[in-house]
Structures are given as structure tokens and as C-alpha cells.
Amino acid sequence: MTAEPLLTTVRFTVEDYERMSEVGILRPESRVELLDGEIVEMSPIGPPHSSVVNRVNRILVRRVGEQALVVVQNPLRLVPSSEPEPDFVLASERADFYGSAHPTASDVLLVIEVSDSSLRRDRLVKVPIYAREWIPEVWIVDIGGGRVHVHTDPADGEYRLIRTVHRGEELRPTLLPSVAITVEEILGEPA
């Protein structure tokens, strides 16, 4: 005799998820994202998170210029089962500014996640998704820890190189090495 499962889980595809938005099941004000087929509520955005996003946005727009498009808190389409909304994606330039479709993994130069209350989810759920999709580089801005975790060299569903960059140190995206940013610029001065 086999035991009946306690719960049956339904996993959604990116197409299912997008269709739910189109027909109004998921409303525009819903703060959710699709991660490995599950619709997950996003963490609330507090002032520290907003401040870092505003700071990084200003820095990236100025320093990246026309080398890439700075995509802020918009969906990243990772077929078949994820559509996260990272805080930043540096994406390859496209004439339509991604008006016809969200960026995909092949468009990405760098993903940046700003983590306050979401650090554990970002590290244990989102980073592996990005690695499986061969996203070349992911930065996790750890607001509480006052540092940035840099993940590079994806292979076999994980990043082979992970380093932590602290205050007093500089970051340079692997695919945009002319763009230099210090941890202080990202996080601001300590309180």
C-alpha cells in the first residue's frame, strides 16, 4: 500500500505566469515573482533598500552609459519556470529597449540583487536559478552585512567563483571592466 501524498504541488511555467497577469489573476500591484515554478511573494521594500537602489541606479546610469541598458526592478524571463524581478540587470542594448519582450539570460551582462530581509532567499533560491541559466555574474548587496557577494563563472548549476567585497574595496563587472564602483558608493557611509 502506497501512502497518498499530503500535498499536491502545481508548478507554473513562465507562460502560465504571464497569462495569469494578462487575465487579471495576478494584479499589477501584486508583488510576486516566479521562482522555479512557484509564485513567491516579494519582500517589502524598506527605506534602506530603496536608498541603495536609488544610489546604485544613479551610479550605473552614469558609468555604464551606452555600454549596456540599466534595467531596474523589471522581470527577467528565464524559461521554462522562472521570472524573477532582480533590482538591476545590465542588459545588452536593444533598439526597442525590450518593449517587445523582457530580457532573457542571453541578454544579461550582470544581475544585482539588493538584499535586506531577502538575503537568504537571494542566496539560496535566486542565485542557483541564475547559475543554471548561465547568467555570467551576480552581485548580492548585503545591506545588513555591509558588503557585496560576487558570483561568477557559472558551471553545472552553480557559480564556481564566489568572493565577498567589503568597504574600502572596488567592484568591476566582468563583462564591463571599465565600470568601477566602490562598496561605499553602493551602501553609503555607515550609520
N, C-alpha and C. Protein backbone atom coordinates (compact mmCIF):
# COMPACT_ATOMS: atom_id res chain seq x y z
N MET A 1 0.85 -1.18 0.00
CA MET A 1 0.00 0.00 0.00
C MET A 1 0.89 1.24 0.00
N THR A 2 0.62 2.12 -0.92
CA THR A 2 1.39 3.36 -1.01
C THR A 2 0.64 4.49 -0.33
N ALA A 3 1.41 5.30 0.35
CA ALA A 3 0.81 6.44 1.04
C ALA A 3 0.48 7.54 0.03
N GLU A 4 -0.67 8.11 0.20
CA GLU A 4 -1.08 9.23 -0.65
C GLU A 4 -0.32 10.48 -0.21
N PRO A 5 0.19 11.27 -1.17
CA PRO A 5 0.93 12.47 -0.77
C PRO A 5 0.01 13.43 0.00
N LEU A 6 0.58 14.11 0.97
CA LEU A 6 -0.19 15.06 1.77
C LEU A 6 -0.61 16.27 0.95
N LEU A 7 0.29 16.73 0.09
CA LEU A 7 0.02 17.90 -0.73
C LEU A 7 0.39 17.62 -2.18
N THR A 8 -0.35 18.20 -3.08
CA THR A 8 -0.01 18.15 -4.48
C THR A 8 0.41 19.55 -4.89
N THR A 9 1.59 19.68 -5.39
CA THR A 9 2.12 20.98 -5.77
C THR A 9 2.01 21.16 -7.28
N VAL A 10 1.51 22.31 -7.69
CA VAL A 10 1.42 22.65 -9.10
C VAL A 10 2.53 23.65 -9.39
N ARG A 11 3.36 23.33 -10.34
CA ARG A 11 4.42 24.25 -10.75
C ARG A 11 3.97 24.94 -12.03
N PHE A 12 4.27 26.23 -12.10
CA PHE A 12 3.85 27.02 -13.24
C PHE A 12 5.03 27.29 -14.17
N THR A 13 4.71 27.46 -15.43
CA THR A 13 5.72 27.87 -16.41
C THR A 13 5.68 29.40 -16.51
N VAL A 14 6.67 29.95 -17.18
CA VAL A 14 6.68 31.39 -17.43
C VAL A 14 5.43 31.78 -18.22
N GLU A 15 5.06 30.96 -19.19
CA GLU A 15 3.87 31.24 -20.00
C GLU A 15 2.60 31.26 -19.13
N ASP A 16 2.46 30.28 -18.21
CA ASP A 16 1.32 30.25 -17.28
C ASP A 16 1.28 31.54 -16.46
N TYR A 17 2.43 31.90 -15.92
CA TYR A 17 2.56 33.07 -15.05
C TYR A 17 2.18 34.36 -15.79
N GLU A 18 2.71 34.50 -17.00
CA GLU A 18 2.40 35.70 -17.79
C GLU A 18 0.92 35.74 -18.16
N ARG A 19 0.35 34.59 -18.45
CA ARG A 19 -1.08 34.52 -18.79
C ARG A 19 -1.93 34.91 -17.58
N MET A 20 -1.52 34.51 -16.37
CA MET A 20 -2.26 34.89 -15.16
C MET A 20 -2.29 36.41 -15.00
N SER A 21 -1.22 37.06 -15.37
CA SER A 21 -1.19 38.53 -15.32
C SER A 21 -2.11 39.12 -16.38
N GLU A 22 -2.05 38.55 -17.58
CA GLU A 22 -2.87 39.06 -18.69
C GLU A 22 -4.36 39.01 -18.38
N VAL A 23 -4.81 37.93 -17.74
CA VAL A 23 -6.24 37.76 -17.48
C VAL A 23 -6.68 38.32 -16.12
N GLY A 24 -5.75 38.89 -15.36
CA GLY A 24 -6.10 39.55 -14.11
C GLY A 24 -6.06 38.70 -12.86
N ILE A 25 -5.59 37.46 -12.97
CA ILE A 25 -5.45 36.63 -11.76
C ILE A 25 -4.37 37.23 -10.88
N LEU A 26 -3.28 37.63 -11.50
CA LEU A 26 -2.24 38.37 -10.79
C LEU A 26 -2.39 39.83 -11.16
N ARG A 27 -2.58 40.67 -10.20
CA ARG A 27 -2.81 42.09 -10.47
C ARG A 27 -1.49 42.83 -10.55
N PRO A 28 -1.48 43.96 -11.27
CA PRO A 28 -0.24 44.73 -11.42
C PRO A 28 0.40 45.13 -10.08
N GLU A 29 -0.43 45.37 -9.08
CA GLU A 29 0.11 45.78 -7.77
C GLU A 29 0.61 44.59 -6.94
N SER A 30 0.39 43.37 -7.41
CA SER A 30 0.89 42.18 -6.71
C SER A 30 2.41 42.20 -6.74
N ARG A 31 3.03 42.03 -5.58
CA ARG A 31 4.49 42.00 -5.52
C ARG A 31 4.92 40.54 -5.43
N VAL A 32 4.90 39.88 -6.60
CA VAL A 32 5.26 38.46 -6.68
C VAL A 32 6.23 38.25 -7.83
N GLU A 33 6.92 37.12 -7.78
CA GLU A 33 7.79 36.71 -8.88
C GLU A 33 7.71 35.20 -8.99
N LEU A 34 8.06 34.68 -10.15
CA LEU A 34 8.03 33.24 -10.39
C LEU A 34 9.45 32.70 -10.21
N LEU A 35 9.62 31.79 -9.25
CA LEU A 35 10.93 31.20 -8.97
C LEU A 35 10.80 29.68 -8.99
N ASP A 36 11.46 29.04 -9.93
CA ASP A 36 11.40 27.58 -10.06
C ASP A 36 9.97 27.06 -10.08
N GLY A 37 9.09 27.76 -10.81
CA GLY A 37 7.72 27.30 -10.97
C GLY A 37 6.77 27.70 -9.86
N GLU A 38 7.27 28.34 -8.81
CA GLU A 38 6.42 28.75 -7.70
C GLU A 38 6.25 30.26 -7.71
N ILE A 39 5.03 30.71 -7.46
CA ILE A 39 4.76 32.15 -7.35
C ILE A 39 5.07 32.54 -5.92
N VAL A 40 6.04 33.43 -5.78
CA VAL A 40 6.58 33.78 -4.47
C VAL A 40 6.35 35.26 -4.20
N GLU A 41 5.86 35.56 -3.00
CA GLU A 41 5.67 36.95 -2.61
C GLU A 41 7.04 37.60 -2.38
N MET A 42 7.21 38.80 -2.91
CA MET A 42 8.47 39.52 -2.74
C MET A 42 8.48 40.24 -1.40
N SER A 43 9.66 40.44 -0.84
CA SER A 43 9.79 41.14 0.43
C SER A 43 9.39 42.60 0.26
N PRO A 44 8.82 43.20 1.33
CA PRO A 44 8.51 44.63 1.26
C PRO A 44 9.80 45.44 1.10
N ILE A 45 9.66 46.59 0.47
CA ILE A 45 10.83 47.46 0.24
C ILE A 45 10.83 48.53 1.31
N GLY A 46 11.86 48.49 2.17
CA GLY A 46 12.02 49.50 3.21
C GLY A 46 12.97 50.60 2.77
N PRO A 47 13.08 51.65 3.56
CA PRO A 47 13.96 52.77 3.21
C PRO A 47 15.42 52.38 2.95
N PRO A 48 16.05 51.50 3.74
CA PRO A 48 17.45 51.14 3.42
C PRO A 48 17.59 50.53 2.02
N HIS A 49 16.66 49.64 1.67
CA HIS A 49 16.67 49.01 0.35
C HIS A 49 16.48 50.07 -0.74
N SER A 50 15.48 50.92 -0.56
CA SER A 50 15.21 51.98 -1.54
C SER A 50 16.42 52.89 -1.73
N SER A 51 17.06 53.24 -0.64
CA SER A 51 18.23 54.12 -0.70
C SER A 51 19.35 53.50 -1.53
N VAL A 52 19.61 52.21 -1.30
CA VAL A 52 20.67 51.53 -2.06
C VAL A 52 20.28 51.44 -3.53
N VAL A 53 19.03 51.11 -3.82
CA VAL A 53 18.58 51.02 -5.21
C VAL A 53 18.74 52.39 -5.90
N ASN A 54 18.34 53.45 -5.22
CA ASN A 54 18.49 54.79 -5.80
C ASN A 54 19.95 55.14 -6.05
N ARG A 55 20.80 54.81 -5.10
CA ARG A 55 22.23 55.09 -5.21
C ARG A 55 22.85 54.31 -6.37
N VAL A 56 22.58 53.01 -6.43
CA VAL A 56 23.15 52.17 -7.48
C VAL A 56 22.62 52.58 -8.85
N ASN A 57 21.35 52.93 -8.92
CA ASN A 57 20.77 53.36 -10.19
C ASN A 57 21.53 54.58 -10.73
N ARG A 58 21.74 55.57 -9.89
CA ARG A 58 22.45 56.77 -10.33
C ARG A 58 23.87 56.42 -10.81
N ILE A 59 24.56 55.60 -10.04
CA ILE A 59 25.94 55.22 -10.39
C ILE A 59 25.97 54.47 -11.72
N LEU A 60 25.12 53.46 -11.86
CA LEU A 60 25.13 52.64 -13.07
C LEU A 60 24.78 53.45 -14.31
N VAL A 61 23.74 54.26 -14.24
CA VAL A 61 23.34 55.04 -15.41
C VAL A 61 24.48 55.94 -15.86
N ARG A 62 25.15 56.57 -14.91
CA ARG A 62 26.26 57.48 -15.26
C ARG A 62 27.48 56.73 -15.80
N ARG A 63 27.83 55.62 -15.16
CA ARG A 63 29.09 54.94 -15.52
C ARG A 63 28.96 53.95 -16.66
N VAL A 64 27.82 53.33 -16.78
CA VAL A 64 27.65 52.35 -17.84
C VAL A 64 27.42 53.06 -19.18
N GLY A 65 26.74 54.20 -19.13
CA GLY A 65 26.49 54.95 -20.36
C GLY A 65 25.77 54.10 -21.38
N GLU A 66 26.33 54.05 -22.58
CA GLU A 66 25.69 53.28 -23.66
C GLU A 66 26.33 51.90 -23.85
N GLN A 67 27.12 51.45 -22.87
CA GLN A 67 27.71 50.11 -22.96
C GLN A 67 26.68 49.01 -22.72
N ALA A 68 25.61 49.36 -22.00
CA ALA A 68 24.55 48.40 -21.68
C ALA A 68 23.32 49.20 -21.25
N LEU A 69 22.21 48.51 -21.17
CA LEU A 69 20.98 49.12 -20.68
C LEU A 69 20.83 48.77 -19.21
N VAL A 70 20.56 49.76 -18.38
CA VAL A 70 20.32 49.53 -16.96
C VAL A 70 18.83 49.28 -16.78
N VAL A 71 18.48 48.04 -16.44
CA VAL A 71 17.09 47.63 -16.26
C VAL A 71 16.84 47.56 -14.75
N VAL A 72 15.85 48.31 -14.27
CA VAL A 72 15.63 48.45 -12.83
C VAL A 72 14.31 47.78 -12.43
N GLN A 73 14.41 46.79 -11.55
CA GLN A 73 13.27 46.11 -10.94
C GLN A 73 12.19 45.71 -11.95
N ASN A 74 12.64 45.11 -13.04
CA ASN A 74 11.74 44.59 -14.07
C ASN A 74 11.98 43.10 -14.26
N PRO A 75 11.02 42.40 -14.85
CA PRO A 75 11.15 40.95 -15.00
C PRO A 75 12.32 40.53 -15.89
N LEU A 76 12.87 39.39 -15.55
CA LEU A 76 13.89 38.71 -16.33
C LEU A 76 13.29 37.36 -16.70
N ARG A 77 13.09 37.12 -17.97
CA ARG A 77 12.36 35.92 -18.45
C ARG A 77 13.31 34.75 -18.58
N LEU A 78 13.19 33.79 -17.66
CA LEU A 78 14.06 32.61 -17.66
C LEU A 78 13.21 31.36 -17.86
N VAL A 79 12.97 31.04 -19.11
CA VAL A 79 12.13 29.91 -19.48
C VAL A 79 12.84 28.62 -19.11
N PRO A 80 12.17 27.62 -18.57
CA PRO A 80 10.72 27.48 -18.60
C PRO A 80 10.00 27.93 -17.34
N SER A 81 10.69 28.13 -16.18
CA SER A 81 9.91 28.23 -14.95
C SER A 81 10.29 29.35 -13.99
N SER A 82 11.00 30.37 -14.45
CA SER A 82 11.33 31.47 -13.55
C SER A 82 11.20 32.81 -14.26
N GLU A 83 10.65 33.77 -13.52
CA GLU A 83 10.61 35.14 -13.99
C GLU A 83 10.84 36.04 -12.78
N PRO A 84 12.11 36.07 -12.31
CA PRO A 84 12.42 36.92 -11.16
C PRO A 84 12.41 38.40 -11.56
N GLU A 85 12.39 39.26 -10.55
CA GLU A 85 12.48 40.70 -10.78
C GLU A 85 13.67 41.22 -9.97
N PRO A 86 14.88 41.02 -10.51
CA PRO A 86 16.06 41.50 -9.79
C PRO A 86 16.03 43.02 -9.69
N ASP A 87 16.76 43.55 -8.73
CA ASP A 87 16.81 45.00 -8.59
C ASP A 87 17.45 45.64 -9.80
N PHE A 88 18.48 45.01 -10.35
CA PHE A 88 19.14 45.54 -11.54
C PHE A 88 19.55 44.42 -12.47
N VAL A 89 19.43 44.69 -13.74
CA VAL A 89 20.03 43.86 -14.78
C VAL A 89 20.78 44.82 -15.69
N LEU A 90 22.04 44.54 -15.95
CA LEU A 90 22.74 45.23 -17.02
C LEU A 90 22.56 44.32 -18.23
N ALA A 91 21.83 44.83 -19.21
CA ALA A 91 21.45 44.03 -20.37
C ALA A 91 22.07 44.59 -21.64
N SER A 92 22.26 43.73 -22.62
CA SER A 92 22.73 44.16 -23.93
C SER A 92 21.75 45.18 -24.48
N GLU A 93 22.28 46.17 -25.18
CA GLU A 93 21.44 47.19 -25.80
C GLU A 93 20.51 46.54 -26.82
N ARG A 94 19.28 47.05 -26.90
CA ARG A 94 18.34 46.62 -27.91
C ARG A 94 17.57 47.85 -28.38
N ALA A 95 17.35 47.97 -29.66
CA ALA A 95 16.71 49.17 -30.23
C ALA A 95 15.35 49.46 -29.62
N ASP A 96 14.60 48.41 -29.27
CA ASP A 96 13.25 48.63 -28.72
C ASP A 96 13.23 48.73 -27.20
N PHE A 97 14.42 48.76 -26.56
CA PHE A 97 14.52 48.85 -25.09
C PHE A 97 13.70 47.75 -24.42
N TYR A 98 13.64 46.59 -25.03
CA TYR A 98 12.92 45.43 -24.53
C TYR A 98 11.42 45.68 -24.46
N GLY A 99 10.92 46.45 -25.41
CA GLY A 99 9.49 46.72 -25.49
C GLY A 99 8.69 45.55 -26.01
N SER A 100 9.32 44.65 -26.76
CA SER A 100 8.60 43.52 -27.32
C SER A 100 8.71 42.26 -26.46
N ALA A 101 9.67 42.22 -25.57
CA ALA A 101 9.86 41.05 -24.69
C ALA A 101 10.84 41.42 -23.58
N HIS A 102 10.64 40.80 -22.43
CA HIS A 102 11.57 41.01 -21.31
C HIS A 102 12.95 40.43 -21.67
N PRO A 103 14.01 40.96 -21.04
CA PRO A 103 15.33 40.36 -21.27
C PRO A 103 15.33 38.89 -20.86
N THR A 104 16.18 38.12 -21.53
CA THR A 104 16.38 36.71 -21.20
C THR A 104 17.83 36.53 -20.75
N ALA A 105 18.18 35.34 -20.35
CA ALA A 105 19.54 35.07 -19.85
C ALA A 105 20.61 35.48 -20.86
N SER A 106 20.36 35.28 -22.14
CA SER A 106 21.37 35.61 -23.15
C SER A 106 21.60 37.11 -23.29
N ASP A 107 20.69 37.93 -22.76
CA ASP A 107 20.83 39.39 -22.82
C ASP A 107 21.62 39.96 -21.64
N VAL A 108 21.81 39.16 -20.60
CA VAL A 108 22.31 39.67 -19.32
C VAL A 108 23.83 39.72 -19.26
N LEU A 109 24.33 40.86 -18.80
CA LEU A 109 25.76 41.02 -18.50
C LEU A 109 26.00 40.90 -17.00
N LEU A 110 25.05 41.39 -16.21
CA LEU A 110 25.18 41.38 -14.74
C LEU A 110 23.80 41.49 -14.13
N VAL A 111 23.57 40.73 -13.05
CA VAL A 111 22.37 40.87 -12.22
C VAL A 111 22.83 41.38 -10.86
N ILE A 112 22.09 42.34 -10.31
CA ILE A 112 22.36 42.83 -8.96
C ILE A 112 21.08 42.70 -8.15
N GLU A 113 21.18 41.99 -7.03
CA GLU A 113 20.09 41.88 -6.07
C GLU A 113 20.47 42.68 -4.83
N VAL A 114 19.61 43.58 -4.41
CA VAL A 114 19.83 44.33 -3.17
C VAL A 114 19.07 43.59 -2.08
N SER A 115 19.79 43.15 -1.06
CA SER A 115 19.20 42.27 -0.05
C SER A 115 19.23 42.90 1.33
N ASP A 116 18.06 43.02 1.88
CA ASP A 116 17.92 43.43 3.26
C ASP A 116 17.28 42.25 3.97
N SER A 117 15.97 42.12 3.91
CA SER A 117 15.29 40.97 4.51
C SER A 117 15.30 39.75 3.58
N SER A 118 15.72 39.93 2.32
CA SER A 118 15.65 38.83 1.34
C SER A 118 16.98 38.11 1.12
N LEU A 119 17.98 38.36 1.95
CA LEU A 119 19.32 37.80 1.73
C LEU A 119 19.30 36.28 1.61
N ARG A 120 18.64 35.62 2.51
CA ARG A 120 18.62 34.15 2.49
C ARG A 120 17.99 33.62 1.20
N ARG A 121 16.85 34.18 0.80
CA ARG A 121 16.19 33.75 -0.44
C ARG A 121 17.06 34.05 -1.66
N ASP A 122 17.66 35.22 -1.67
CA ASP A 122 18.50 35.59 -2.80
C ASP A 122 19.67 34.61 -2.96
N ARG A 123 20.30 34.27 -1.86
CA ARG A 123 21.47 33.38 -1.91
C ARG A 123 21.09 31.93 -2.20
N LEU A 124 20.04 31.44 -1.57
CA LEU A 124 19.72 30.01 -1.66
C LEU A 124 18.75 29.65 -2.79
N VAL A 125 17.96 30.61 -3.26
CA VAL A 125 16.99 30.31 -4.31
C VAL A 125 17.35 31.01 -5.62
N LYS A 126 17.53 32.32 -5.57
CA LYS A 126 17.71 33.07 -6.81
C LYS A 126 19.08 32.85 -7.45
N VAL A 127 20.15 32.86 -6.66
CA VAL A 127 21.48 32.66 -7.24
C VAL A 127 21.58 31.33 -7.97
N PRO A 128 21.10 30.21 -7.42
CA PRO A 128 21.14 28.95 -8.18
C PRO A 128 20.34 29.02 -9.48
N ILE A 129 19.22 29.72 -9.49
CA ILE A 129 18.45 29.88 -10.73
C ILE A 129 19.31 30.61 -11.75
N TYR A 130 19.95 31.69 -11.35
CA TYR A 130 20.80 32.46 -12.27
C TYR A 130 21.97 31.60 -12.79
N ALA A 131 22.54 30.79 -11.91
CA ALA A 131 23.66 29.93 -12.33
C ALA A 131 23.19 28.90 -13.35
N ARG A 132 22.04 28.29 -13.12
CA ARG A 132 21.51 27.30 -14.07
C ARG A 132 21.23 27.91 -15.43
N GLU A 133 20.94 29.20 -15.44
CA GLU A 133 20.65 29.91 -16.69
C GLU A 133 21.91 30.52 -17.32
N TRP A 134 23.05 30.26 -16.72
CA TRP A 134 24.34 30.74 -17.23
C TRP A 134 24.46 32.27 -17.22
N ILE A 135 23.78 32.92 -16.27
CA ILE A 135 23.97 34.37 -16.09
C ILE A 135 25.42 34.54 -15.68
N PRO A 136 26.20 35.35 -16.40
CA PRO A 136 27.65 35.39 -16.16
C PRO A 136 28.08 35.91 -14.79
N GLU A 137 27.28 36.81 -14.20
CA GLU A 137 27.72 37.41 -12.93
C GLU A 137 26.51 37.91 -12.15
N VAL A 138 26.55 37.67 -10.84
CA VAL A 138 25.50 38.15 -9.93
C VAL A 138 26.18 38.80 -8.73
N TRP A 139 25.70 39.99 -8.39
CA TRP A 139 26.13 40.66 -7.16
C TRP A 139 24.95 40.66 -6.20
N ILE A 140 25.21 40.29 -4.96
CA ILE A 140 24.20 40.43 -3.91
C ILE A 140 24.71 41.50 -2.95
N VAL A 141 24.00 42.61 -2.91
CA VAL A 141 24.34 43.69 -1.99
C VAL A 141 23.72 43.34 -0.64
N ASP A 142 24.55 43.00 0.31
CA ASP A 142 24.14 42.59 1.65
C ASP A 142 24.12 43.84 2.53
N ILE A 143 22.97 44.47 2.62
CA ILE A 143 22.86 45.74 3.36
C ILE A 143 23.25 45.55 4.82
N GLY A 144 22.71 44.55 5.48
CA GLY A 144 22.98 44.31 6.89
C GLY A 144 24.44 43.98 7.18
N GLY A 145 25.06 43.27 6.25
CA GLY A 145 26.47 42.88 6.44
C GLY A 145 27.46 43.92 5.95
N GLY A 146 26.97 44.94 5.24
CA GLY A 146 27.84 45.99 4.74
C GLY A 146 28.86 45.49 3.73
N ARG A 147 28.40 44.60 2.83
CA ARG A 147 29.32 44.00 1.85
C ARG A 147 28.55 43.59 0.60
N VAL A 148 29.30 43.16 -0.41
CA VAL A 148 28.70 42.68 -1.66
C VAL A 148 29.29 41.31 -1.97
N HIS A 149 28.42 40.34 -2.21
CA HIS A 149 28.84 38.99 -2.58
C HIS A 149 28.81 38.90 -4.10
N VAL A 150 29.94 38.55 -4.69
CA VAL A 150 30.08 38.50 -6.15
C VAL A 150 30.17 37.03 -6.58
N HIS A 151 29.27 36.63 -7.48
CA HIS A 151 29.21 35.27 -8.00
C HIS A 151 29.55 35.31 -9.49
N THR A 152 30.56 34.54 -9.91
CA THR A 152 30.95 34.49 -11.32
C THR A 152 31.28 33.05 -11.71
N ASP A 153 31.48 32.86 -13.00
CA ASP A 153 31.89 31.58 -13.56
C ASP A 153 30.87 30.47 -13.33
N PRO A 154 29.66 30.61 -13.93
CA PRO A 154 28.65 29.57 -13.74
C PRO A 154 29.03 28.28 -14.46
N ALA A 155 28.78 27.17 -13.80
CA ALA A 155 29.00 25.84 -14.39
C ALA A 155 28.21 24.82 -13.58
N ASP A 156 27.58 23.91 -14.26
CA ASP A 156 26.85 22.82 -13.61
C ASP A 156 25.86 23.33 -12.56
N GLY A 157 25.17 24.43 -12.86
CA GLY A 157 24.12 24.92 -11.97
C GLY A 157 24.58 25.66 -10.74
N GLU A 158 25.84 26.06 -10.71
CA GLU A 158 26.32 26.85 -9.57
C GLU A 158 27.45 27.78 -10.03
N TYR A 159 27.78 28.73 -9.19
CA TYR A 159 28.89 29.62 -9.50
C TYR A 159 30.15 29.07 -8.87
N ARG A 160 31.17 28.91 -9.69
CA ARG A 160 32.42 28.33 -9.20
C ARG A 160 33.25 29.34 -8.43
N LEU A 161 33.08 30.62 -8.72
CA LEU A 161 33.83 31.66 -8.01
C LEU A 161 32.88 32.56 -7.24
N ILE A 162 33.07 32.62 -5.94
CA ILE A 162 32.29 33.50 -5.07
C ILE A 162 33.27 34.24 -4.19
N ARG A 163 33.15 35.56 -4.20
CA ARG A 163 34.01 36.36 -3.32
C ARG A 163 33.18 37.43 -2.66
N THR A 164 33.64 37.89 -1.53
CA THR A 164 32.95 38.94 -0.80
C THR A 164 33.80 40.19 -0.84
N VAL A 165 33.17 41.29 -1.23
CA VAL A 165 33.85 42.57 -1.36
C VAL A 165 33.35 43.47 -0.23
N HIS A 166 34.31 44.05 0.50
CA HIS A 166 33.99 44.85 1.70
C HIS A 166 34.21 46.34 1.45
N ARG A 167 33.81 47.13 2.41
CA ARG A 167 34.08 48.56 2.36
C ARG A 167 35.58 48.77 2.15
N GLY A 168 35.92 49.78 1.37
CA GLY A 168 37.31 50.04 1.04
C GLY A 168 37.77 49.31 -0.21
N GLU A 169 36.87 48.48 -0.77
CA GLU A 169 37.22 47.72 -1.97
C GLU A 169 36.32 48.14 -3.13
N GLU A 170 36.76 47.77 -4.33
CA GLU A 170 36.10 48.17 -5.56
C GLU A 170 35.57 46.95 -6.30
N LEU A 171 34.47 47.15 -7.01
CA LEU A 171 33.90 46.10 -7.85
C LEU A 171 33.98 46.55 -9.30
N ARG A 172 34.18 45.59 -10.19
CA ARG A 172 34.15 45.82 -11.64
C ARG A 172 33.42 44.65 -12.28
N PRO A 173 32.33 44.91 -12.99
CA PRO A 173 31.65 43.81 -13.66
C PRO A 173 32.59 43.12 -14.65
N THR A 174 32.60 41.81 -14.65
CA THR A 174 33.47 41.04 -15.53
C THR A 174 33.34 41.44 -16.99
N LEU A 175 32.11 41.64 -17.45
CA LEU A 175 31.89 41.97 -18.86
C LEU A 175 31.90 43.47 -19.16
N LEU A 176 32.06 44.28 -18.12
CA LEU A 176 32.19 45.74 -18.28
C LEU A 176 33.30 46.23 -17.35
N PRO A 177 34.54 45.80 -17.58
CA PRO A 177 35.61 46.09 -16.64
C PRO A 177 35.97 47.58 -16.50
N SER A 178 35.51 48.41 -17.42
CA SER A 178 35.79 49.85 -17.30
C SER A 178 34.88 50.53 -16.28
N VAL A 179 33.85 49.82 -15.80
CA VAL A 179 32.91 50.37 -14.83
C VAL A 179 33.37 49.97 -13.42
N ALA A 180 33.84 50.95 -12.66
CA ALA A 180 34.32 50.69 -11.30
C ALA A 180 33.37 51.34 -10.29
N ILE A 181 33.03 50.58 -9.24
CA ILE A 181 32.13 51.05 -8.19
C ILE A 181 32.69 50.57 -6.85
N THR A 182 32.72 51.44 -5.87
CA THR A 182 33.18 51.01 -4.55
C THR A 182 31.99 50.57 -3.71
N VAL A 183 32.27 49.77 -2.70
CA VAL A 183 31.21 49.32 -1.80
C VAL A 183 30.60 50.52 -1.07
N GLU A 184 31.43 51.52 -0.71
CA GLU A 184 30.90 52.72 -0.05
C GLU A 184 29.90 53.45 -0.93
N GLU A 185 30.19 53.50 -2.23
CA GLU A 185 29.27 54.17 -3.14
C GLU A 185 27.92 53.45 -3.18
N ILE A 186 27.95 52.13 -3.11
CA ILE A 186 26.73 51.35 -3.16
C ILE A 186 25.94 51.48 -1.86
N LEU A 187 26.62 51.33 -0.73
CA LEU A 187 25.95 51.28 0.56
C LEU A 187 25.83 52.63 1.26
N GLY A 188 26.60 53.60 0.85
CA GLY A 188 26.65 54.86 1.57
C GLY A 188 27.53 54.72 2.81
N GLU A 189 27.70 55.80 3.49
CA GLU A 189 28.52 55.77 4.71
C GLU A 189 27.79 55.04 5.83
N PRO A 190 28.54 54.29 6.66
CA PRO A 190 27.88 53.58 7.76
C PRO A 190 27.26 54.55 8.75
N ALA A 191 26.15 54.12 9.34
CA ALA A 191 25.42 54.99 10.29
C ALA A 191 26.15 55.10 11.60
